[in-house]
Protein backbone atom coordinates (compact mmCIF):
# COMPACT_ATOMS: atom_id res chain seq x y z
CA MET A 1 38.99 -6.51 72.15
CA GLU A 2 35.63 -8.26 71.91
CA TYR A 3 33.58 -8.06 68.72
CA PRO A 4 29.79 -8.35 68.53
CA VAL A 5 28.67 -11.85 67.71
CA GLY A 6 25.94 -12.05 65.11
CA THR A 7 23.36 -14.69 64.39
CA ARG A 8 23.07 -16.01 60.84
CA VAL A 9 19.48 -17.03 60.14
CA THR A 10 18.64 -19.25 57.19
CA LEU A 11 14.97 -19.19 56.26
CA GLU A 12 13.03 -22.08 54.69
CA CYS A 13 13.32 -20.31 51.32
CA ASP A 14 17.17 -20.50 51.70
CA HIS A 15 17.53 -16.73 52.01
CA VAL A 16 19.86 -15.54 54.77
CA LEU A 17 19.39 -12.79 57.37
CA TYR A 18 21.87 -11.49 59.97
CA PHE A 19 20.92 -10.28 63.44
CA GLU A 20 23.36 -8.64 65.87
CA ILE A 21 20.91 -8.62 68.80
CA GLY A 22 17.90 -10.61 69.92
CA GLN A 23 17.22 -14.26 70.68
CA LEU A 24 15.72 -16.29 67.84
CA HIS A 25 14.42 -19.86 67.74
CA LYS A 26 13.94 -22.45 65.02
CA LYS A 27 10.48 -22.51 63.42
CA GLU A 28 9.96 -18.86 64.38
CA ILE A 29 8.31 -16.88 61.59
CA LEU A 30 10.20 -13.92 60.11
CA TRP A 31 9.60 -11.64 57.15
CA CYS A 32 11.75 -12.36 54.07
CA ASN A 33 12.48 -9.16 52.16
CA ARG A 34 13.45 -11.05 49.01
CA CYS A 35 10.33 -13.24 48.83
CA LYS A 36 8.05 -10.56 50.31
CA ARG A 37 6.42 -13.25 52.47
CA GLU A 38 6.59 -14.63 55.98
CA ARG A 39 8.94 -17.63 56.24
CA ARG A 40 9.93 -20.03 59.02
CA VAL A 41 13.48 -20.11 60.39
CA ALA A 42 15.18 -23.26 59.10
CA ASP A 43 18.65 -22.91 60.67
CA LEU A 44 20.52 -20.68 63.13
CA SER A 45 24.27 -20.29 63.46
CA THR A 46 25.96 -17.96 65.92
CA GLY A 47 29.08 -15.99 65.14
CA ARG A 48 31.07 -15.35 62.02
CA ALA A 49 33.27 -18.03 60.54
CA PHE A 50 36.17 -15.67 59.79
CA ARG A 51 37.35 -12.22 60.82
CA VAL A 52 39.69 -9.91 58.91
CA LYS A 53 41.90 -7.71 61.12
CA CYS A 54 44.63 -5.28 60.08
CA ARG A 55 47.65 -4.99 62.40
CA THR A 56 48.59 -1.57 61.02
CA CYS A 57 45.27 0.26 61.35
CA ASN A 58 41.88 -0.35 63.00
CA TYR A 59 40.28 -2.11 59.99
CA THR A 60 38.30 -5.21 61.00
CA ARG A 61 35.41 -7.12 59.41
CA GLY A 62 33.47 -10.28 60.19
CA LYS A 63 32.97 -12.57 57.19
CA GLY A 64 30.91 -15.71 56.67
CA GLY A 65 33.41 -17.63 54.56
CA ARG A 66 37.11 -17.92 53.80
CA LEU A 67 36.72 -16.57 50.25
CA ASP A 68 34.95 -13.43 51.53
CA ALA A 69 37.64 -12.94 54.17
CA ASP A 70 40.48 -13.32 51.65
CA THR A 71 38.76 -10.94 49.23
CA SER A 72 38.23 -8.34 51.94
CA SER A 73 41.85 -8.49 53.06
CA VAL A 74 43.17 -8.22 49.49
CA ARG A 75 40.93 -5.21 48.80
CA HIS A 76 42.19 -3.52 51.97
CA ARG A 77 45.79 -4.14 50.90
CA GLU A 78 45.06 -2.72 47.45
CA LYS A 79 44.06 0.56 49.13
CA LYS A 80 46.85 0.44 51.74
CA PRO A 81 49.64 -1.68 50.19
CA HIS A 82 52.03 -2.06 53.13
CA HIS A 83 49.49 -2.97 55.78
CA VAL A 84 49.67 -6.40 57.44
CA VAL A 85 46.26 -8.11 57.46
CA ASP A 86 45.36 -11.31 59.37
CA VAL A 87 42.51 -13.66 58.59
CA LEU A 88 41.28 -15.13 61.88
CA GLY A 89 39.22 -18.28 62.29
CA ALA A 90 36.11 -18.60 64.46
CA ASP A 91 38.26 -19.49 67.49
CA GLY A 92 40.50 -16.40 67.03
CA THR A 93 43.58 -18.15 65.66
CA VAL A 94 45.39 -16.69 62.67
CA VAL A 95 44.55 -18.73 59.55
CA HIS A 96 46.49 -16.63 57.04
CA THR A 97 48.49 -13.39 57.03
CA PHE A 98 48.76 -11.05 54.07
CA GLU A 99 51.98 -9.03 54.24
CA ASP A 100 54.87 -7.84 52.10
CA SER A 101 57.44 -10.51 51.42
CA GLU A 102 60.99 -9.92 52.62
CA ALA A 103 62.30 -9.86 49.06
CA VAL A 104 60.09 -6.89 48.21
CA THR A 105 60.71 -4.78 51.32
CA THR A 106 64.47 -5.41 51.77
CA LEU A 107 66.83 -3.39 49.63
CA PRO A 108 70.02 -5.04 48.34
CA GLU A 109 73.34 -4.32 50.06
CA SER A 110 74.90 -2.93 46.89
CA PRO A 111 73.41 -1.72 43.62
CA PRO A 112 73.35 -4.24 40.78
CA PHE A 113 76.01 -3.27 38.18
């Protein structure tokens, strides 16, 4: 399954905007909602650095950093405790997997007496 690739735009005031469509160029002038002024584009980066994807349901999110991705996956597992959630890197490889450990999900052979 392909996900939409976004463009992260950093303005000269260091505020960040995200665009899912359109072609932007450096030194183009955009409106900054935080400064309430027109600002030049300082930097462009395409794509999201990390993606959170649940194997159990259809939950998926694109995140800009590893901390945001880990936080998003932990929050999803708080709501749905037994779901298996992968954190994927920009190239699509699994960086980390959040799942139940075997010790928690496996019951002992006999009751402890």
